[in-house]
Protein backbone atom coordinates (compact mmCIF):
# COMPACT_ATOMS: atom_id res chain seq x y z
CA UNK A 1 0.20 0.28 0.00
CA UNK A 2 1.57 3.52 -1.14
CA UNK A 3 1.58 6.58 1.11
CA UNK A 4 -1.09 8.40 -0.74
CA UNK A 5 -3.59 5.72 -0.67
CA UNK A 6 -2.89 4.99 3.14
CA UNK A 7 -4.06 8.91 3.67
CA UNK A 8 -7.24 8.00 2.37
CA UNK A 9 -8.18 5.18 5.33
CA UNK A 10 -9.45 6.28 8.56
CA UNK A 11 -8.31 3.49 10.91
CA UNK A 12 -8.15 3.40 14.61
CA UNK A 13 -4.36 2.58 15.25
CA UNK A 14 -2.32 1.71 18.51
CA UNK A 15 1.13 3.04 18.62
CA UNK A 16 3.21 2.40 21.99
CA UNK A 17 0.28 1.32 23.52
CA UNK A 18 -2.08 4.30 23.02
CA UNK A 19 -4.89 4.29 20.74
CA UNK A 20 -5.56 7.46 18.51
CA UNK A 21 -8.92 8.32 17.43
CA UNK A 22 -10.17 7.82 13.56
CA UNK A 23 -9.18 10.99 11.79
CA UNK A 24 -10.07 12.73 8.62
CA UNK A 25 -7.55 13.47 5.95
CA UNK A 26 -6.05 17.00 6.68
CA UNK A 27 -6.15 17.96 2.66
CA UNK A 28 -9.81 16.94 2.49
CA UNK A 29 -11.30 20.36 3.40
CA UNK A 30 -14.67 19.65 2.62
CA UNK A 31 -14.49 16.56 4.15
CA UNK A 32 -13.88 17.64 7.45
CA UNK A 33 -16.28 20.37 7.35
CA UNK A 34 -19.05 17.69 6.37
CA UNK A 35 -17.94 15.57 9.29
CA UNK A 36 -18.34 18.37 11.50
CA UNK A 37 -21.70 19.30 10.36
CA UNK A 38 -22.78 15.45 10.50
CA UNK A 39 -21.25 14.85 14.09
CA UNK A 40 -23.07 17.87 15.14
CA UNK A 41 -26.32 17.30 14.20
CA UNK A 42 -26.20 13.75 15.83
CA UNK A 43 -24.97 15.17 18.91
CA UNK A 44 -27.13 18.23 19.27
CA UNK A 45 -30.13 16.11 18.76
CA UNK A 46 -28.92 13.68 21.80
CA UNK A 47 -28.60 17.33 23.74
CA UNK A 48 -27.76 20.75 23.08
CA UNK A 49 -25.96 21.06 26.65
CA UNK A 50 -24.01 18.00 26.15
CA UNK A 51 -22.86 18.73 22.68
CA UNK A 52 -19.78 20.74 23.48
CA UNK A 53 -17.21 21.72 20.80
CA UNK A 54 -14.69 19.03 21.86
CA UNK A 55 -16.83 16.55 21.67
CA UNK A 56 -18.17 17.17 18.29
CA UNK A 57 -14.90 17.54 16.99
CA UNK A 58 -13.73 14.11 18.19
CA UNK A 59 -16.71 12.53 16.79
CA UNK A 60 -15.83 14.40 13.36
CA UNK A 61 -12.46 12.78 13.69
CA UNK A 62 -10.92 16.49 13.50
CA UNK A 63 -9.04 18.67 16.10
CA UNK A 64 -11.03 20.96 18.24
CA UNK A 65 -9.33 24.10 16.84
CA UNK A 66 -10.56 23.20 13.29
CA UNK A 67 -14.11 23.27 14.61
CA UNK A 68 -13.19 27.04 16.05
CA UNK A 69 -11.48 27.62 12.33
CA UNK A 70 -15.03 27.12 10.63
CA UNK A 71 -17.86 28.31 13.43
CA UNK A 72 -17.27 30.67 16.56
CA UNK A 73 -19.71 28.52 18.74
CA UNK A 74 -21.94 25.58 18.14
CA UNK A 75 -24.63 27.97 17.78
CA UNK A 76 -23.27 28.77 14.28
CA UNK A 77 -22.62 25.09 13.64
CA UNK A 78 -26.45 24.25 14.18
CA UNK A 79 -26.99 27.25 11.83
CA UNK A 80 -24.97 26.00 9.52
CA UNK A 81 -26.54 22.62 9.66
CA UNK A 82 -29.92 24.26 9.01
CA UNK A 83 -29.31 25.68 6.38
CA UNK A 84 -27.31 22.91 4.93
CA UNK A 85 -30.92 21.23 4.79
CA UNK A 86 -32.87 24.07 3.76
CA UNK A 87 -30.66 24.45 0.65
CA UNK A 88 -31.37 20.73 0.01
CA UNK A 89 -35.10 21.08 0.73
CA UNK A 90 -34.80 24.10 -1.90
CA UNK A 91 -33.12 22.14 -4.54
CA UNK A 92 -35.96 19.42 -4.52
CA UNK A 93 -38.49 22.04 -4.71
CA UNK A 94 -36.81 23.99 -7.57
CA UNK A 95 -36.49 20.63 -9.37
CA UNK A 96 -40.39 19.65 -9.03
CA UNK A 97 -42.81 22.83 -8.46
CA UNK A 98 -42.09 24.58 -11.65
CA UNK A 99 -43.24 21.80 -13.53
CA UNK A 100 -46.90 22.39 -12.09
CA UNK A 101 -48.65 25.12 -14.01
CA UNK A 102 -51.51 25.41 -11.72
CA UNK A 103 -51.05 27.60 -8.58
CA UNK A 104 -53.09 25.14 -6.61
CA UNK A 105 -51.28 22.15 -8.04
CA UNK A 106 -47.81 24.06 -7.44
CA UNK A 107 -49.21 24.98 -3.78
CA UNK A 108 -49.79 21.05 -2.80
CA UNK A 109 -46.48 19.85 -4.38
CA UNK A 110 -44.46 22.37 -2.08
CA UNK A 111 -46.20 21.43 0.89
CA UNK A 112 -45.59 17.64 0.33
CA UNK A 113 -41.93 17.95 -0.71
CA UNK A 114 -41.09 19.88 2.37
CA UNK A 115 -43.32 17.06 4.47
CA UNK A 116 -41.41 14.43 2.96
CA UNK A 117 -38.42 16.14 3.65
CA UNK A 118 -38.81 15.89 6.98
CA UNK A 119 -40.07 12.76 7.47
CA UNK A 120 -36.64 11.83 6.06
CA UNK A 121 -34.95 13.58 8.45
CA UNK A 122 -37.23 13.54 11.47
CA UNK A 123 -34.78 15.01 14.08
CA UNK A 124 -35.00 18.25 11.73
CA UNK A 125 -37.60 19.97 12.92
CA UNK A 126 -36.37 19.71 16.56
CA UNK A 127 -33.07 21.72 15.39
CA UNK A 128 -35.21 24.17 14.16
CA UNK A 129 -37.00 24.99 17.18
CA UNK A 130 -33.58 24.63 19.27
CA UNK A 131 -31.94 27.22 16.95
CA UNK A 132 -34.75 29.54 17.63
CA UNK A 133 -34.29 28.78 21.55
CA UNK A 134 -30.46 28.99 21.60
CA UNK A 135 -29.19 30.86 18.35
CA UNK A 136 -27.58 33.89 19.01
CA UNK A 137 -28.45 37.24 16.98
CA UNK A 138 -25.53 36.49 14.45
CA UNK A 139 -26.55 32.76 13.43
CA UNK A 140 -30.16 33.52 13.34
CA UNK A 141 -29.32 36.51 10.85
CA UNK A 142 -27.51 33.93 8.81
CA UNK A 143 -30.73 32.06 8.11
CA UNK A 144 -32.64 34.98 6.95
CA UNK A 145 -31.10 34.40 2.95
CA UNK A 146 -32.46 30.27 3.36
CA UNK A 147 -35.67 31.19 4.57
CA UNK A 148 -36.33 34.03 2.16
CA UNK A 149 -35.67 31.45 -0.32
CA UNK A 150 -38.51 29.03 1.04
CA UNK A 151 -40.74 32.28 1.10
CA UNK A 152 -39.91 33.19 -2.12
CA UNK A 153 -41.18 29.78 -3.52
CA UNK A 154 -44.87 30.88 -1.93
CA UNK A 155 -44.69 34.37 -3.19
CA UNK A 156 -44.45 33.19 -6.71
CA UNK A 157 -46.90 30.85 -6.40
CA UNK A 158 -49.60 33.13 -4.57
CA UNK A 159 -48.72 35.89 -7.16
CA UNK A 160 -49.53 33.05 -10.19
CA UNK A 161 -52.65 32.63 -8.60
CA UNK A 162 -53.44 36.26 -7.96
CA UNK A 163 -52.40 36.87 -12.22
CA UNK A 164 -54.63 33.73 -13.14
CA UNK A 165 -57.42 35.08 -10.80
CA UNK A 166 -57.76 31.95 -8.86
CA UNK A 167 -56.86 33.54 -5.33
CA UNK A 168 -57.99 36.38 -4.04
CA UNK A 169 -56.64 39.87 -4.98
CA UNK A 170 -54.88 42.61 -2.69
CA UNK A 171 -56.25 44.37 -0.20
CA UNK A 172 -58.40 40.97 0.55
CA UNK A 173 -55.65 38.78 0.60
CA UNK A 174 -52.48 40.02 2.24
CA UNK A 175 -49.84 38.09 0.58
CA UNK A 176 -46.81 38.35 3.43
CA UNK A 177 -49.61 37.69 6.29
CA UNK A 178 -50.64 34.24 3.95
CA UNK A 179 -46.83 33.30 3.61
CA UNK A 180 -46.58 33.64 7.30
CA UNK A 181 -49.82 31.42 7.83
CA UNK A 182 -48.69 28.46 5.24
CA UNK A 183 -45.02 28.33 6.70
CA UNK A 184 -46.41 28.45 10.14
CA UNK A 185 -48.93 25.81 9.70
CA UNK A 186 -46.50 23.67 8.57
CA UNK A 187 -44.04 24.34 11.00
CA UNK A 188 -46.07 23.65 13.89
CA UNK A 189 -47.55 20.49 12.28
CA UNK A 190 -44.26 18.97 11.87
CA UNK A 191 -43.64 20.33 15.63
CA UNK A 192 -46.63 18.44 16.97
CA UNK A 193 -46.77 15.44 14.98
CA UNK A 194 -42.96 14.43 15.52
CA UNK A 195 -41.83 16.13 18.50
CA UNK A 196 -45.09 16.64 20.90
CA UNK A 197 -46.90 13.33 19.84
CA UNK A 198 -44.14 11.55 18.61
CA UNK A 199 -46.08 10.03 16.00
CA UNK A 200 -45.03 8.41 12.53
CA UNK A 201 -45.60 11.10 9.73
CA UNK A 202 -47.56 10.30 6.56
CA UNK A 203 -46.30 12.94 4.05
CA UNK A 204 -48.92 12.40 1.24
CA UNK A 205 -52.05 12.51 4.09
CA UNK A 206 -50.80 15.54 6.10
CA UNK A 207 -50.01 17.56 2.84
CA UNK A 208 -53.60 16.91 1.52
CA UNK A 209 -55.50 18.16 4.70
CA UNK A 210 -52.77 21.13 5.22
CA UNK A 211 -53.03 22.18 1.52
CA UNK A 212 -56.96 21.91 1.73
CA UNK A 213 -57.23 24.11 4.48
CA UNK A 214 -54.32 26.81 3.48
CA UNK A 215 -56.39 26.83 -0.28
CA UNK A 216 -59.39 27.75 1.68
CA UNK A 217 -58.05 30.57 2.96
CA UNK A 218 -56.31 31.94 -0.63
CA UNK A 219 -59.50 31.37 -2.62
CA UNK A 220 -62.70 33.13 -3.27
């Protein structure tokens, strides 16, 4: 085995009776950053207070110095984890919902894709509410762009519905309040089912129920 190949292998080795932790290759910047996000997500879900930077770094197989090179605090790490998930969700939505020419169908599709994503990552909604409770001001500001992207998806759908005379016209319909209501309904439904009641989420069933409720508030 040559030296270059051996650098790719993460192993636990014993040297002079001392065990060293598995480590990420030093040159793999993206891999080490991703390892921090993965370790942070796992540990934060187990308990916010217990997920200290040193433990996160150890779990990721990197130094705590590297942790602080990327993040000033675990609040910033938490924000980065949420932003990563939001970007993945937005990509899925962008690839799918534009194929729906009818605003009602587009609304239903976005709701369904959102519920499916949270169903696949059931701890994610808990992290969202942890961030609200523990995230510092700087970390919260970093989320605004990702959150605004999600709002813009609904803004486009509602504006299309208004233009096609399917949805109510302003000022009868306050668009920003409508978007707040849509996102709030989705978030609190997820939190109630997955965190409070610890129930299994059925995306298709819940999406139909939520969409029906939301569309009634948008249509004449």
